[in-house]
Each structure stands twice: as structure tokens, then as C-alpha cells.
Amino acid sequence: MGVKLPDDFFFGAAMSGPQTEGAWREGGKLENLWDTWSNERISDFL
């Protein structure tokens, strides 16, 4: 990529609770990306 980041540069991630917290079968909610990933590749999360 050619970009040099400082040695102490820290990557992070964030998500919205209402979009990622369970109960995807309730209240008309559909399965979200995290539900799909955790169901397909549960070993990655254990």
C-alpha cells in the first residue's frame, strides 16, 4: 500500500448496539451481519 503508519498507531472498530444485539427473530428484526458471521463461523468467536 505504501503508507507508513506510526508504530503506536492503533486501529479500532465500533458498532451500534441496537443493530448488533440479539433477538433478531423478534419485533420484525432480521438477521444482521454479526448474527450471520457468528452462526457460520462460531469457532472464530470462541
N, C-alpha and C. Protein backbone atom coordinates (compact mmCIF):
# COMPACT_ATOMS: atom_id res chain seq x y z
N MET A 1 0.83 -1.18 0.00
CA MET A 1 0.00 0.00 0.00
C MET A 1 0.87 1.24 0.00
N GLY A 2 2.03 1.17 0.57
CA GLY A 2 2.94 2.30 0.53
C GLY A 2 2.75 3.34 1.60
N VAL A 3 1.85 3.13 2.54
CA VAL A 3 1.62 4.09 3.61
C VAL A 3 2.28 3.58 4.87
N LYS A 4 3.09 4.41 5.50
CA LYS A 4 3.76 4.05 6.75
C LYS A 4 3.05 4.74 7.90
N LEU A 5 2.48 3.94 8.78
CA LEU A 5 1.80 4.49 9.95
C LEU A 5 2.76 4.49 11.13
N PRO A 6 2.55 5.39 12.09
CA PRO A 6 3.40 5.40 13.27
C PRO A 6 3.35 4.05 14.00
N ASP A 7 4.43 3.68 14.65
CA ASP A 7 4.49 2.41 15.37
C ASP A 7 3.42 2.30 16.45
N ASP A 8 3.00 3.43 17.03
CA ASP A 8 2.00 3.39 18.09
C ASP A 8 0.58 3.65 17.57
N PHE A 9 0.39 3.60 16.25
CA PHE A 9 -0.94 3.78 15.67
C PHE A 9 -1.82 2.61 16.07
N PHE A 10 -3.06 2.89 16.48
CA PHE A 10 -3.96 1.85 16.97
C PHE A 10 -5.23 1.83 16.13
N PHE A 11 -5.54 0.68 15.54
CA PHE A 11 -6.78 0.52 14.80
C PHE A 11 -7.88 0.11 15.77
N GLY A 12 -9.10 0.52 15.50
CA GLY A 12 -10.22 0.13 16.33
C GLY A 12 -11.46 -0.11 15.48
N ALA A 13 -12.49 -0.58 16.12
CA ALA A 13 -13.77 -0.83 15.45
C ALA A 13 -14.89 -0.49 16.41
N ALA A 14 -16.04 -0.18 15.85
CA ALA A 14 -17.20 0.14 16.67
C ALA A 14 -18.46 -0.37 15.98
N MET A 15 -19.49 -0.55 16.77
CA MET A 15 -20.77 -0.96 16.20
C MET A 15 -21.90 -0.41 17.05
N SER A 16 -23.07 -0.36 16.50
CA SER A 16 -24.25 0.15 17.19
C SER A 16 -24.96 -0.99 17.92
N GLY A 17 -25.20 -0.83 19.20
CA GLY A 17 -25.88 -1.86 19.98
C GLY A 17 -27.21 -2.31 19.39
N PRO A 18 -28.14 -1.38 19.07
CA PRO A 18 -29.42 -1.81 18.52
C PRO A 18 -29.31 -2.59 17.20
N GLN A 19 -28.24 -2.38 16.48
CA GLN A 19 -28.07 -3.09 15.21
C GLN A 19 -27.38 -4.44 15.40
N THR A 20 -26.71 -4.66 16.52
CA THR A 20 -25.93 -5.88 16.67
C THR A 20 -26.35 -6.77 17.83
N GLU A 21 -27.17 -6.26 18.73
CA GLU A 21 -27.57 -7.08 19.86
C GLU A 21 -28.68 -8.04 19.46
N GLY A 22 -28.74 -9.17 20.08
CA GLY A 22 -29.60 -10.30 19.72
C GLY A 22 -31.06 -10.03 19.45
N ALA A 23 -31.86 -11.08 19.57
CA ALA A 23 -33.30 -11.07 19.34
C ALA A 23 -33.65 -10.74 17.89
N TRP A 24 -32.89 -11.28 16.96
CA TRP A 24 -33.14 -10.95 15.56
C TRP A 24 -34.45 -11.52 15.04
N ARG A 25 -35.04 -12.46 15.75
CA ARG A 25 -36.34 -13.01 15.32
C ARG A 25 -37.52 -12.27 15.94
N GLU A 26 -37.25 -11.27 16.74
CA GLU A 26 -38.29 -10.55 17.46
C GLU A 26 -38.58 -9.20 16.82
N GLY A 27 -39.82 -8.76 16.92
CA GLY A 27 -40.20 -7.41 16.50
C GLY A 27 -39.92 -7.08 15.05
N GLY A 28 -39.93 -8.07 14.18
CA GLY A 28 -39.70 -7.82 12.76
C GLY A 28 -38.25 -7.62 12.38
N LYS A 29 -37.33 -7.78 13.35
CA LYS A 29 -35.90 -7.61 13.04
C LYS A 29 -35.41 -8.78 12.20
N LEU A 30 -34.49 -8.51 11.34
CA LEU A 30 -33.87 -9.54 10.51
C LEU A 30 -32.48 -9.86 11.04
N GLU A 31 -31.91 -10.95 10.58
CA GLU A 31 -30.55 -11.32 10.94
C GLU A 31 -29.59 -10.25 10.42
N ASN A 32 -28.65 -9.82 11.26
CA ASN A 32 -27.68 -8.83 10.81
C ASN A 32 -26.35 -9.51 10.49
N LEU A 33 -25.39 -8.74 10.06
CA LEU A 33 -24.10 -9.28 9.64
C LEU A 33 -23.42 -10.07 10.76
N TRP A 34 -23.45 -9.54 11.98
CA TRP A 34 -22.80 -10.24 13.10
C TRP A 34 -23.50 -11.54 13.42
N ASP A 35 -24.84 -11.58 13.31
CA ASP A 35 -25.56 -12.84 13.51
C ASP A 35 -25.11 -13.87 12.49
N THR A 36 -25.01 -13.45 11.24
CA THR A 36 -24.59 -14.36 10.17
C THR A 36 -23.19 -14.88 10.42
N TRP A 37 -22.25 -13.98 10.69
CA TRP A 37 -20.86 -14.40 10.92
C TRP A 37 -20.75 -15.35 12.10
N SER A 38 -21.42 -15.00 13.20
CA SER A 38 -21.28 -15.84 14.39
C SER A 38 -21.96 -17.20 14.22
N ASN A 39 -22.99 -17.28 13.40
CA ASN A 39 -23.65 -18.57 13.15
C ASN A 39 -22.87 -19.42 12.16
N GLU A 40 -22.24 -18.81 11.18
CA GLU A 40 -21.49 -19.56 10.17
C GLU A 40 -20.10 -19.95 10.65
N ARG A 41 -19.47 -19.10 11.46
CA ARG A 41 -18.08 -19.33 11.86
C ARG A 41 -17.93 -19.15 13.36
N ILE A 42 -18.74 -19.86 14.13
CA ILE A 42 -18.74 -19.69 15.58
C ILE A 42 -17.36 -19.95 16.19
N SER A 43 -16.57 -20.81 15.59
CA SER A 43 -15.24 -21.10 16.15
C SER A 43 -14.34 -19.87 16.15
N ASP A 44 -14.59 -18.90 15.27
CA ASP A 44 -13.80 -17.67 15.25
C ASP A 44 -14.08 -16.80 16.48
N PHE A 45 -15.20 -17.03 17.14
CA PHE A 45 -15.61 -16.18 18.25
C PHE A 45 -15.41 -16.84 19.61
N LEU A 46 -14.96 -18.08 19.61
CA LEU A 46 -14.77 -18.80 20.88
C LEU A 46 -13.33 -18.79 21.32
